[in-house]
PDB file of N, CA and C in Angstrom:
ATOM      1  N   MET A   1     179.033 172.842  86.378  1.00  0.00           N
ATOM      2  CA  MET A   1     177.567 173.060  86.596  1.00  0.00           C
ATOM      3  C   MET A   1     177.139 171.722  86.038  1.00  0.00           C
ATOM      4  N   THR A   2     175.574 171.992  87.813  1.00  0.00           N
ATOM      5  CA  THR A   2     174.938 170.412  86.679  1.00  0.00           C
ATOM      6  C   THR A   2     173.721 171.173  86.686  1.00  0.00           C
ATOM      7  N   GLU A   3     173.554 170.662  85.175  1.00  0.00           N
ATOM      8  CA  GLU A   3     171.977 170.752  84.750  1.00  0.00           C
ATOM      9  C   GLU A   3     170.850 170.458  85.729  1.00  0.00           C
ATOM     10  N   LYS A   4     169.678 170.914  85.770  1.00  0.00           N
ATOM     11  CA  LYS A   4     169.200 170.222  86.562  1.00  0.00           C
ATOM     12  C   LYS A   4     168.193 169.759  85.382  1.00  0.00           C
ATOM     13  N   PRO A   5     167.322 168.722  85.533  1.00  0.00           N
ATOM     14  CA  PRO A   5     166.061 168.114  84.724  1.00  0.00           C
ATOM     15  C   PRO A   5     164.593 169.186  84.775  1.00  0.00           C
ATOM     16  N   VAL A   6     164.262 169.747  83.500  1.00  0.00           N
ATOM     17  CA  VAL A   6     162.849 170.099  83.158  1.00  0.00           C
ATOM     18  C   VAL A   6     161.894 169.302  83.675  1.00  0.00           C
ATOM     19  N   GLU A   7     161.009 169.162  84.466  1.00  0.00           N
ATOM     20  CA  GLU A   7     159.556 168.525  83.977  1.00  0.00           C
ATOM     21  C   GLU A   7     158.361 169.221  83.950  1.00  0.00           C
ATOM     22  N   LEU A   8     157.642 169.023  82.767  1.00  0.00           N
ATOM     23  CA  LEU A   8     156.336 169.718  82.799  1.00  0.00           C
ATOM     24  C   LEU A   8     155.194 169.367  83.327  1.00  0.00           C
ATOM     25  N   ARG A   9     154.218 170.014  84.236  1.00  0.00           N
ATOM     26  CA  ARG A   9     152.857 169.835  84.671  1.00  0.00           C
ATOM     27  C   ARG A   9     151.779 169.566  83.555  1.00  0.00           C
ATOM     28  N   GLU A  10     151.238 168.967  83.697  1.00  0.00           N
ATOM     29  CA  GLU A  10     150.336 168.507  82.859  1.00  0.00           C
ATOM     30  C   GLU A  10     149.741 169.407  81.636  1.00  0.00           C
ATOM     31  N   ARG A  11     149.346 170.616  82.534  1.00  0.00           N
ATOM     32  CA  ARG A  11     148.935 171.873  81.694  1.00  0.00           C
ATOM     33  C   ARG A  11     150.008 172.411  80.578  1.00  0.00           C
ATOM     34  N   ALA A  12     151.171 172.162  81.847  1.00  0.00           N
ATOM     35  CA  ALA A  12     151.672 173.261  80.491  1.00  0.00           C
ATOM     36  C   ALA A  12     152.212 172.324  79.449  1.00  0.00           C
ATOM     37  N   ARG A  13     152.278 170.631  79.235  1.00  0.00           N
ATOM     38  CA  ARG A  13     152.019 169.808  78.456  1.00  0.00           C
ATOM     39  C   ARG A  13     150.966 170.021  77.295  1.00  0.00           C
ATOM     40  N   ARG A  14     149.682 170.486  77.511  1.00  0.00           N
ATOM     41  CA  ARG A  14     148.572 170.890  76.904  1.00  0.00           C
ATOM     42  C   ARG A  14     148.688 172.199  76.666  1.00  0.00           C
ATOM     43  N   ASP A  15     149.531 173.334  76.844  1.00  0.00           N
ATOM     44  CA  ASP A  15     149.638 174.863  76.353  1.00  0.00           C
ATOM     45  C   ASP A  15     150.547 174.661  75.280  1.00  0.00           C
ATOM     46  N   ILE A  16     151.514 173.243  75.677  1.00  0.00           N
ATOM     47  CA  ILE A  16     152.205 173.279  74.136  1.00  0.00           C
ATOM     48  C   ILE A  16     151.989 172.922  73.341  1.00  0.00           C
ATOM     49  N   ASP A  17     150.988 171.661  73.094  1.00  0.00           N
ATOM     50  CA  ASP A  17     150.381 171.078  72.433  1.00  0.00           C
ATOM     51  C   ASP A  17     149.423 172.054  71.293  1.00  0.00           C
ATOM     52  N   GLU A  18     148.901 173.198  72.471  1.00  0.00           N
ATOM     53  CA  GLU A  18     147.670 173.874  71.977  1.00  0.00           C
ATOM     54  C   GLU A  18     148.454 174.891  70.879  1.00  0.00           C
ATOM     55  N   ALA A  19     149.882 175.044  71.168  1.00  0.00           N
ATOM     56  CA  ALA A  19     150.403 176.262  70.372  1.00  0.00           C
ATOM     57  C   ALA A  19     150.762 175.701  69.082  1.00  0.00           C
ATOM     58  N   VAL A  20     151.341 174.773  69.272  1.00  0.00           N
ATOM     59  CA  VAL A  20     152.291 173.695  68.102  1.00  0.00           C
ATOM     60  C   VAL A  20     151.250 173.071  67.102  1.00  0.00           C
ATOM     61  N   ASP A  21     149.865 172.811  67.966  1.00  0.00           N
ATOM     62  CA  ASP A  21     148.843 172.856  66.940  1.00  0.00           C
ATOM     63  C   ASP A  21     148.155 173.974  66.122  1.00  0.00           C
ATOM     64  N   HIS A  22     148.330 175.501  66.889  1.00  0.00           N
ATOM     65  CA  HIS A  22     148.325 176.505  66.172  1.00  0.00           C
ATOM     66  C   HIS A  22     149.070 176.994  65.082  1.00  0.00           C
ATOM     67  N   TYR A  23     150.637 176.326  65.508  1.00  0.00           N
ATOM     68  CA  TYR A  23     151.421 176.718  64.121  1.00  0.00           C
ATOM     69  C   TYR A  23     151.673 175.587  63.441  1.00  0.00           C
ATOM     70  N   LEU A  24     150.578 174.497  63.182  1.00  0.00           N
ATOM     71  CA  LEU A  24     150.661 173.627  62.421  1.00  0.00           C
ATOM     72  C   LEU A  24     149.343 174.638  61.613  1.00  0.00           C
ATOM     73  N   THR A  25     148.690 174.938  61.992  1.00  0.00           N
ATOM     74  CA  THR A  25     147.198 175.050  61.208  1.00  0.00           C
ATOM     75  C   THR A  25     147.035 175.925  60.629  1.00  0.00           C
ATOM     76  N   ASP A  26     148.043 177.402  61.213  1.00  0.00           N
ATOM     77  CA  ASP A  26     147.995 178.683  60.697  1.00  0.00           C
ATOM     78  C   ASP A  26     149.683 179.076  59.872  1.00  0.00           C
ATOM     79  N   ALA A  27     150.622 178.570  60.307  1.00  0.00           N
ATOM     80  CA  ALA A  27     151.444 178.776  59.628  1.00  0.00           C
ATOM     81  C   ALA A  27     152.695 178.210  58.987  1.00  0.00           C
ATOM     82  N   GLY A  28     151.929 176.864  59.512  1.00  0.00           N
ATOM     83  CA  GLY A  28     153.364 175.507  58.626  1.00  0.00           C
ATOM     84  C   GLY A  28     154.085 174.763  59.269  1.00  0.00           C
ATOM     85  N   THR A  29     154.601 173.380  59.217  1.00  0.00           N
ATOM     86  CA  THR A  29     155.351 172.573  59.539  1.00  0.00           C
ATOM     87  C   THR A  29     156.696 173.024  60.266  1.00  0.00           C
ATOM     88  N   SER A  30     156.632 173.930  59.527  1.00  0.00           N
ATOM     89  CA  SER A  30     158.416 174.451  59.701  1.00  0.00           C
ATOM     90  C   SER A  30     158.246 175.066  61.070  1.00  0.00           C
ATOM     91  N   ILE A  31     157.561 176.692  61.188  1.00  0.00           N
ATOM     92  CA  ILE A  31     157.197 177.282  61.840  1.00  0.00           C
ATOM     93  C   ILE A  31     156.915 176.519  63.155  1.00  0.00           C
ATOM     94  N   ALA A  32     156.193 175.330  62.923  1.00  0.00           N
ATOM     95  CA  ALA A  32     155.752 174.537  64.347  1.00  0.00           C
ATOM     96  C   ALA A  32     157.307 173.806  64.674  1.00  0.00           C
ATOM     97  N   LEU A  33     157.790 173.842  64.262  1.00  0.00           N
ATOM     98  CA  LEU A  33     159.027 173.135  64.279  1.00  0.00           C
ATOM     99  C   LEU A  33     160.039 173.967  64.708  1.00  0.00           C
ATOM    100  N   ALA A  34     160.525 175.096  64.460  1.00  0.00           N
ATOM    101  CA  ALA A  34     160.794 176.512  64.998  1.00  0.00           C
ATOM    102  C   ALA A  34     160.699 176.691  66.372  1.00  0.00           C
ATOM    103  N   PHE A  35     159.232 176.496  66.526  1.00  0.00           N
ATOM    104  CA  PHE A  35     158.530 176.392  68.182  1.00  0.00           C
ATOM    105  C   PHE A  35     159.153 175.513  68.611  1.00  0.00           C
ATOM    106  N   ILE A  36     159.203 174.372  68.011  1.00  0.00           N
ATOM    107  CA  ILE A  36     159.627 173.827  69.808  1.00  0.00           C
ATOM    108  C   ILE A  36     161.120 173.488  69.765  1.00  0.00           C
ATOM    109  N   ASP A  37     161.947 173.988  68.494  1.00  0.00           N
ATOM    110  CA  ASP A  37     163.252 174.126  68.640  1.00  0.00           C
ATOM    111  C   ASP A  37     163.445 175.551  70.058  1.00  0.00           C
ATOM    112  N   ALA A  38     163.082 176.212  69.696  1.00  0.00           N
ATOM    113  CA  ALA A  38     162.949 177.248  70.511  1.00  0.00           C
ATOM    114  C   ALA A  38     162.536 177.256  72.363  1.00  0.00           C
ATOM    115  N   LEU A  39     161.148 176.292  72.186  1.00  0.00           N
ATOM    116  CA  LEU A  39     161.295 175.588  73.353  1.00  0.00           C
ATOM    117  C   LEU A  39     162.250 174.609  74.206  1.00  0.00           C
ATOM    118  N   GLU A  40     162.567 173.802  73.311  1.00  0.00           N
ATOM    119  CA  GLU A  40     163.848 173.018  73.936  1.00  0.00           C
ATOM    120  C   GLU A  40     164.876 173.709  74.312  1.00  0.00           C
ATOM    121  N   GLU A  41     165.374 174.653  73.426  1.00  0.00           N
ATOM    122  CA  GLU A  41     166.387 175.597  74.004  1.00  0.00           C
ATOM    123  C   GLU A  41     166.190 176.246  75.283  1.00  0.00           C
ATOM    124  N   ALA A  42     164.848 177.090  75.727  1.00  0.00           N
ATOM    125  CA  ALA A  42     164.525 177.464  76.213  1.00  0.00           C
ATOM    126  C   ALA A  42     164.500 176.927  77.788  1.00  0.00           C
ATOM    127  N   PHE A  43     164.410 175.249  77.665  1.00  0.00           N
ATOM    128  CA  PHE A  43     164.530 174.500  78.638  1.00  0.00           C
ATOM    129  C   PHE A  43     165.498 173.964  79.452  1.00  0.00           C
ATOM    130  N   ARG A  44     166.232 174.629  77.556  1.00  0.00           N
ATOM    131  CA  ARG A  44     167.926 173.721  78.474  1.00  0.00           C
ATOM    132  C   ARG A  44     168.463 174.887  79.632  1.00  0.00           C
ATOM    133  N   ARG A  45     168.037 176.156  78.675  1.00  0.00           N
ATOM    134  CA  ARG A  45     169.185 177.269  79.338  1.00  0.00           C
ATOM    135  C   ARG A  45     168.146 177.319  81.397  1.00  0.00           C
ATOM    136  N   ILE A  46     167.166 177.030  81.184  1.00  0.00           N
ATOM    137  CA  ILE A  46     165.977 177.413  82.418  1.00  0.00           C
ATOM    138  C   ILE A  46     167.160 175.728  83.515  1.00  0.00           C
ATOM    139  N   GLY A  47     167.305 174.789  82.600  1.00  0.00           N
ATOM    140  CA  GLY A  47     168.127 174.034  83.412  1.00  0.00           C
ATOM    141  C   GLY A  47     169.354 174.153  84.075  1.00  0.00           C
ATOM    142  N   GLN A  48     170.369 175.283  82.986  1.00  0.00           N
ATOM    143  CA  GLN A  48     171.121 175.566  83.714  1.00  0.00           C
ATOM    144  C   GLN A  48     171.389 176.106  84.540  1.00  0.00           C
ATOM    145  N   HIS A  49     170.282 177.106  84.193  1.00  0.00           N
ATOM    146  CA  HIS A  49     170.835 178.354  84.704  1.00  0.00           C
ATOM    147  C   HIS A  49     169.210 179.250  85.215  1.00  0.00           C
ATOM    148  N   PRO A  50     168.443 178.244  85.814  1.00  0.00           N
ATOM    149  CA  PRO A  50     167.053 178.506  86.284  1.00  0.00           C
ATOM    150  C   PRO A  50     166.889 179.911  87.291  1.00  0.00           C
ATOM    151  N   ALA A  51     167.778 180.396  88.242  1.00  0.00           N
ATOM    152  CA  ALA A  51     167.867 182.038  88.351  1.00  0.00           C
ATOM    153  C   ALA A  51     167.641 183.320  87.691  1.00  0.00           C
ATOM    154  N   SER A  52     168.404 182.486  86.267  1.00  0.00           N
ATOM    155  CA  SER A  52     168.088 183.764  85.536  1.00  0.00           C
ATOM    156  C   SER A  52     166.999 184.284  84.842  1.00  0.00           C
ATOM    157  N   GLY A  53     165.901 183.393  84.865  1.00  0.00           N
ATOM    158  CA  GLY A  53     164.756 183.823  84.823  1.00  0.00           C
ATOM    159  C   GLY A  53     163.645 185.340  85.589  1.00  0.00           C
ATOM    160  N   SER A  54     162.835 185.562  84.825  1.00  0.00           N
ATOM    161  CA  SER A  54     162.815 187.234  85.529  1.00  0.00           C
ATOM    162  C   SER A  54     161.490 186.857  86.650  1.00  0.00           C
ATOM    163  N   PRO A  55     161.614 187.283  87.728  1.00  0.00           N
ATOM    164  CA  PRO A  55     160.393 186.857  89.149  1.00  0.00           C
ATOM    165  C   PRO A  55     159.770 187.986  89.047  1.00  0.00           C
ATOM    166  N   ARG A  56     159.193 188.732  87.847  1.00  0.00           N
ATOM    167  CA  ARG A  56     158.049 189.484  87.568  1.00  0.00           C
ATOM    168  C   ARG A  56     156.356 189.320  88.193  1.00  0.00           C
ATOM    169  N   TYR A  57     156.115 188.048  87.729  1.00  0.00           N
ATOM    170  CA  TYR A  57     154.921 187.685  87.643  1.00  0.00           C
ATOM    171  C   TYR A  57     154.746 186.885  89.190  1.00  0.00           C
ATOM    172  N   ALA A  58     156.431 186.874  89.649  1.00  0.00           N
ATOM    173  CA  ALA A  58     156.014 186.301  91.126  1.00  0.00           C
ATOM    174  C   ALA A  58     155.556 186.942  92.239  1.00  0.00           C
ATOM    175  N   GLN A  59     155.837 188.151  91.714  1.00  0.00           N
ATOM    176  CA  GLN A  59     155.969 188.904  92.704  1.00  0.00           C
ATOM    177  C   GLN A  59     154.369 190.048  92.201  1.00  0.00           C
ATOM    178  N   GLU A  60     154.068 190.376  91.727  1.00  0.00           N
ATOM    179  CA  GLU A  60     152.478 190.145  90.945  1.00  0.00           C
ATOM    180  C   GLU A  60     151.352 189.339  91.858  1.00  0.00           C
ATOM    181  N   LEU A  61     151.578 188.197  91.870  1.00  0.00           N
ATOM    182  CA  LEU A  61     150.945 187.088  91.880  1.00  0.00           C
ATOM    183  C   LEU A  61     151.206 186.755  93.476  1.00  0.00           C
ATOM    184  N   SER A  62     151.909 187.299  93.998  1.00  0.00           N
ATOM    185  CA  SER A  62     152.403 186.446  95.651  1.00  0.00           C
ATOM    186  C   SER A  62     153.250 185.129  95.339  1.00  0.00           C
ATOM    187  N   LEU A  63     153.785 184.650  94.047  1.00  0.00           N
ATOM    188  CA  LEU A  63     154.000 183.307  94.105  1.00  0.00           C
ATOM    189  C   LEU A  63     155.532 183.412  94.252  1.00  0.00           C
ATOM    190  N   PRO A  64     156.282 183.066  95.178  1.00  0.00           N
ATOM    191  CA  PRO A  64     158.151 183.273  95.576  1.00  0.00           C
ATOM    192  C   PRO A  64     157.678 181.996  95.160  1.00  0.00           C
ATOM    193  N   GLY A  65     159.177 182.524  94.280  1.00  0.00           N
ATOM    194  CA  GLY A  65     159.862 181.288  93.066  1.00  0.00           C
ATOM    195  C   GLY A  65     159.886 181.339  92.013  1.00  0.00           C
ATOM    196  N   LEU A  66     158.424 182.055  91.613  1.00  0.00           N
ATOM    197  CA  LEU A  66     157.833 181.876  90.393  1.00  0.00           C
ATOM    198  C   LEU A  66     158.482 182.881  89.397  1.00  0.00           C
ATOM    199  N   ARG A  67     159.375 182.158  88.149  1.00  0.00           N
ATOM    200  CA  ARG A  67     159.832 182.732  87.478  1.00  0.00           C
ATOM    201  C   ARG A  67     159.418 182.165  85.649  1.00  0.00           C
ATOM    202  N   SER A  68     159.989 182.993  85.035  1.00  0.00           N
ATOM    203  CA  SER A  68     159.055 183.014  83.439  1.00  0.00           C
ATOM    204  C   SER A  68     160.147 183.580  82.679  1.00  0.00           C
ATOM    205  N   ARG A  69     160.582 183.175  81.359  1.00  0.00           N
ATOM    206  CA  ARG A  69     161.600 182.953  80.522  1.00  0.00           C
ATOM    207  C   ARG A  69     160.734 183.493  79.331  1.00  0.00           C
ATOM    208  N   ILE A  70     161.495 184.247  78.217  1.00  0.00           N
ATOM    209  CA  ILE A  70     160.032 184.139  76.996  1.00  0.00           C
ATOM    210  C   ILE A  70     161.530 183.442  75.853  1.00  0.00           C
ATOM    211  N   LEU A  71     160.509 182.863  74.938  1.00  0.00           N
ATOM    212  CA  LEU A  71     161.159 181.837  74.146  1.00  0.00           C
ATOM    213  C   LEU A  71     161.546 182.854  73.039  1.00  0.00           C
ATOM    214  N   SER A  72     162.498 182.534  72.613  1.00  0.00           N
ATOM    215  CA  SER A  72     163.444 183.174  71.633  1.00  0.00           C
ATOM    216  C   SER A  72     162.947 183.110  70.569  1.00  0.00           C
ATOM    217  N   GLY A  73     162.174 183.949  69.803  1.00  0.00           N
ATOM    218  CA  GLY A  73     161.115 184.428  68.347  1.00  0.00           C
ATOM    219  C   GLY A  73     160.307 184.141  68.143  1.00  0.00           C
ATOM    220  N   PHE A  74     159.417 183.563  69.413  1.00  0.00           N
ATOM    221  CA  PHE A  74     158.317 183.711  69.633  1.00  0.00           C
ATOM    222  C   PHE A  74     157.602 184.440  70.715  1.00  0.00           C
ATOM    223  N   PRO A  75     156.431 184.737  70.843  1.00  0.00           N
ATOM    224  CA  PRO A  75     155.381 185.303  71.749  1.00  0.00           C
ATOM    225  C   PRO A  75     155.156 184.697  72.854  1.00  0.00           C
ATOM    226  N   TYR A  76     155.956 183.871  73.586  1.00  0.00           N
ATOM    227  CA  TYR A  76     155.424 183.000  74.441  1.00  0.00           C
ATOM    228  C   TYR A  76     156.235 182.761  76.015  1.00  0.00           C
ATOM    229  N   LEU A  77     155.876 182.658  76.979  1.00  0.00           N
ATOM    230  CA  LEU A  77     156.443 182.414  77.922  1.00  0.00           C
ATOM    231  C   LEU A  77     156.369 181.367  79.210  1.00  0.00           C
ATOM    232  N   VAL A  78     157.643 180.777  79.024  1.00  0.00           N
ATOM    233  CA  VAL A  78     157.480 180.125  80.119  1.00  0.00           C
ATOM    234  C   VAL A  78     157.672 179.549  81.543  1.00  0.00           C
ATOM    235  N   PHE A  79     156.934 179.610  82.344  1.00  0.00           N
ATOM    236  CA  PHE A  79     156.884 179.520  83.538  1.00  0.00           C
ATOM    237  C   PHE A  79     156.891 178.702  84.600  1.00  0.00           C
ATOM    238  N   TYR A  80     158.260 178.869  85.376  1.00  0.00           N
ATOM    239  CA  TYR A  80     158.340 177.725  86.217  1.00  0.00           C
ATOM    240  C   TYR A  80     159.414 178.312  87.784  1.00  0.00           C
ATOM    241  N   VAL A  81     159.140 177.032  88.366  1.00  0.00           N
ATOM    242  CA  VAL A  81     159.772 177.343  89.340  1.00  0.00           C
ATOM    243  C   VAL A  81     160.838 176.422  89.512  1.00  0.00           C
ATOM    244  N   GLU A  82     162.093 176.741  90.094  1.00  0.00           N
ATOM    245  CA  GLU A  82     163.862 175.387  90.851  1.00  0.00           C
ATOM    246  C   GLU A  82     162.953 174.968  91.641  1.00  0.00           C
ATOM    247  N   ARG A  83     163.356 174.015  92.349  1.00  0.00           N
ATOM    248  CA  ARG A  83     162.879 172.970  93.660  1.00  0.00           C
ATOM    249  C   ARG A  83     164.523 172.475  93.541  1.00  0.00           C
ATOM    250  N   GLU A  84     164.475 171.581  94.768  1.00  0.00           N
ATOM    251  CA  GLU A  84     165.785 170.955  94.806  1.00  0.00           C
ATOM    252  C   GLU A  84     166.310 169.886  93.320  1.00  0.00           C
ATOM    253  N   ALA A  85     165.497 169.369  93.210  1.00  0.00           N
ATOM    254  CA  ALA A  85     166.357 168.137  92.493  1.00  0.00           C
ATOM    255  C   ALA A  85     166.041 168.710  91.147  1.00  0.00           C
ATOM    256  N   ASP A  86     164.789 169.357  90.719  1.00  0.00           N
ATOM    257  CA  ASP A  86     164.011 170.139  89.327  1.00  0.00           C
ATOM    258  C   ASP A  86     163.807 170.939  88.809  1.00  0.00           C
ATOM    259  N   ILE A  87     163.795 171.504  87.554  1.00  0.00           N
ATOM    260  CA  ILE A  87     162.538 172.710  87.537  1.00  0.00           C
ATOM    261  C   ILE A  87     161.701 172.531  87.196  1.00  0.00           C
ATOM    262  N   ASP A  88     160.527 173.009  88.324  1.00  0.00           N
ATOM    263  CA  ASP A  88     158.620 172.258  87.788  1.00  0.00           C
ATOM    264  C   ASP A  88     158.563 173.533  86.347  1.00  0.00           C
ATOM    265  N   VAL A  89     157.575 172.993  85.386  1.00  0.00           N
ATOM    266  CA  VAL A  89     157.079 174.176  84.429  1.00  0.00           C
ATOM    267  C   VAL A  89     155.760 174.091  84.835  1.00  0.00           C
ATOM    268  N   TRP A  90     155.232 175.449  84.944  1.00  0.00           N
ATOM    269  CA  TRP A  90     153.875 175.158  85.465  1.00  0.00           C
ATOM    270  C   TRP A  90     152.799 175.256  84.174  1.00  0.00           C
ATOM    271  N   ARG A  91     153.347 176.683  83.341  1.00  0.00           N
ATOM    272  CA  ARG A  91     152.920 176.608  82.425  1.00  0.00           C
ATOM    273  C   ARG A  91     153.284 177.479  80.895  1.00  0.00           C
ATOM    274  N   VAL A  92     153.148 177.415  79.861  1.00  0.00           N
ATOM    275  CA  VAL A  92     154.100 178.350  78.634  1.00  0.00           C
ATOM    276  C   VAL A  92     152.155 178.929  78.012  1.00  0.00           C
ATOM    277  N   LEU A  93     152.789 180.041  77.720  1.00  0.00           N
ATOM    278  CA  LEU A  93     151.585 181.131  77.857  1.00  0.00           C
ATOM    279  C   LEU A  93     152.000 182.029  76.588  1.00  0.00           C
ATOM    280  N   HIS A  94     151.080 182.577  75.959  1.00  0.00           N
ATOM    281  CA  HIS A  94     151.190 183.286  74.645  1.00  0.00           C
ATOM    282  C   HIS A  94     151.306 185.040  76.219  1.00  0.00           C
ATOM    283  N   THR A  95     152.012 185.712  75.292  1.00  0.00           N
ATOM    284  CA  THR A  95     152.246 186.883  75.833  1.00  0.00           C
ATOM    285  C   THR A  95     151.255 188.046  75.914  1.00  0.00           C
ATOM    286  N   ALA A  96     150.024 187.513  74.378  1.00  0.00           N
ATOM    287  CA  ALA A  96     148.697 188.748  74.215  1.00  0.00           C
ATOM    288  C   ALA A  96     148.082 188.109  75.521  1.00  0.00           C
ATOM    289  N   ARG A  97     148.514 186.744  75.945  1.00  0.00           N
ATOM    290  CA  ARG A  97     147.365 186.387  77.502  1.00  0.00           C
ATOM    291  C   ARG A  97     147.152 187.678  78.383  1.00  0.00           C
ATOM    292  N   ASP A  98     146.389 187.062  79.667  1.00  0.00           N
ATOM    293  CA  ASP A  98     146.137 187.990  80.695  1.00  0.00           C
ATOM    294  C   ASP A  98     147.016 187.303  81.307  1.00  0.00           C
ATOM    295  N   VAL A  99     148.386 186.893  81.263  1.00  0.00           N
ATOM    296  CA  VAL A  99     149.051 186.162  82.052  1.00  0.00           C
ATOM    297  C   VAL A  99     148.296 186.251  84.022  1.00  0.00           C
ATOM    298  N   PRO A 100     148.429 186.891  84.558  1.00  0.00           N
ATOM    299  CA  PRO A 100     148.003 186.936  85.915  1.00  0.00           C
ATOM    300  C   PRO A 100     147.024 185.323  86.293  1.00  0.00           C
ATOM    301  N   VAL A 101     145.165 185.967  85.296  1.00  0.00           N
ATOM    302  CA  VAL A 101     143.976 185.405  85.251  1.00  0.00           C
ATOM    303  C   VAL A 101     144.735 183.962  84.679  1.00  0.00           C
ATOM    304  N   TRP A 102     145.620 183.364  83.977  1.00  0.00           N
ATOM    305  CA  TRP A 102     145.746 182.521  83.458  1.00  0.00           C
ATOM    306  C   TRP A 102     146.543 181.511  84.396  1.00  0.00           C
ATOM    307  N   LEU A 103     147.798 182.082  84.917  1.00  0.00           N
ATOM    308  CA  LEU A 103     148.276 181.613  85.675  1.00  0.00           C
ATOM    309  C   LEU A 103     147.553 181.577  87.691  1.00  0.00           C
ATOM    310  N   ARG A 104     146.541 182.240  87.021  1.00  0.00           N
ATOM    311  CA  ARG A 104     145.301 181.979  88.813  1.00  0.00           C
ATOM    312  C   ARG A 104     144.255 180.643  88.602  1.00  0.00           C
ATOM    313  N   GLU A 105     144.254 179.920  87.248  1.00  0.00           N
ATOM    314  CA  GLU A 105     143.351 178.938  87.159  1.00  0.00           C
ATOM    315  C   GLU A 105     143.483 178.028  88.141  1.00  0.00           C
ATOM    316  N   PRO A 106     142.655 176.864  88.699  1.00  0.00           N
ATOM    317  CA  PRO A 106     143.149 176.149  89.491  1.00  0.00           C
ATOM    318  C   PRO A 106     144.172 174.901  89.085  1.00  0.00           C
ATOM    319  N   PRO A 107     144.990 174.476  89.565  1.00  0.00           N
ATOM    320  CA  PRO A 107     145.633 173.168  88.326  1.00  0.00           C
ATOM    321  C   PRO A 107     144.895 171.887  88.285  1.00  0.00           C
ATOM    322  N   ASN A 108     145.194 171.281  87.300  1.00  0.00           N
ATOM    323  CA  ASN A 108     144.911 169.828  87.382  1.00  0.00           C
ATOM    324  C   ASN A 108     145.404 168.821  87.547  1.00  0.00           C
ATOM    325  N   ASP A 109     146.598 169.473  87.898  1.00  0.00           N
ATOM    326  CA  ASP A 109     147.828 168.585  88.127  1.00  0.00           C
ATOM    327  C   ASP A 109     148.334 168.417  88.952  1.00  0.00           C
TER     328      ASP A 109
END
């Protein structure tokens, strides 16, 4: 099995930076590092098994190919689309957010 590289859009990078800043400020370094570890594990699994993510929001938003995967131990979802050569990560969103609204934001990248 060939693992596909995971490529993050600029907005996904900002989502991650905001989450890490939140954990550093409110929970401390060890929790922020655990969040990063969970994110890296999710990216590894997505790269290995892209079709294993949930297509729920793809149906709600009429975005064919959009999938999501929850981070282990954290209330965040990674939204991505499998492309021929890689995995395109669109957003990393907290589950308490109105996900369809946040995903409809016009892309800046």
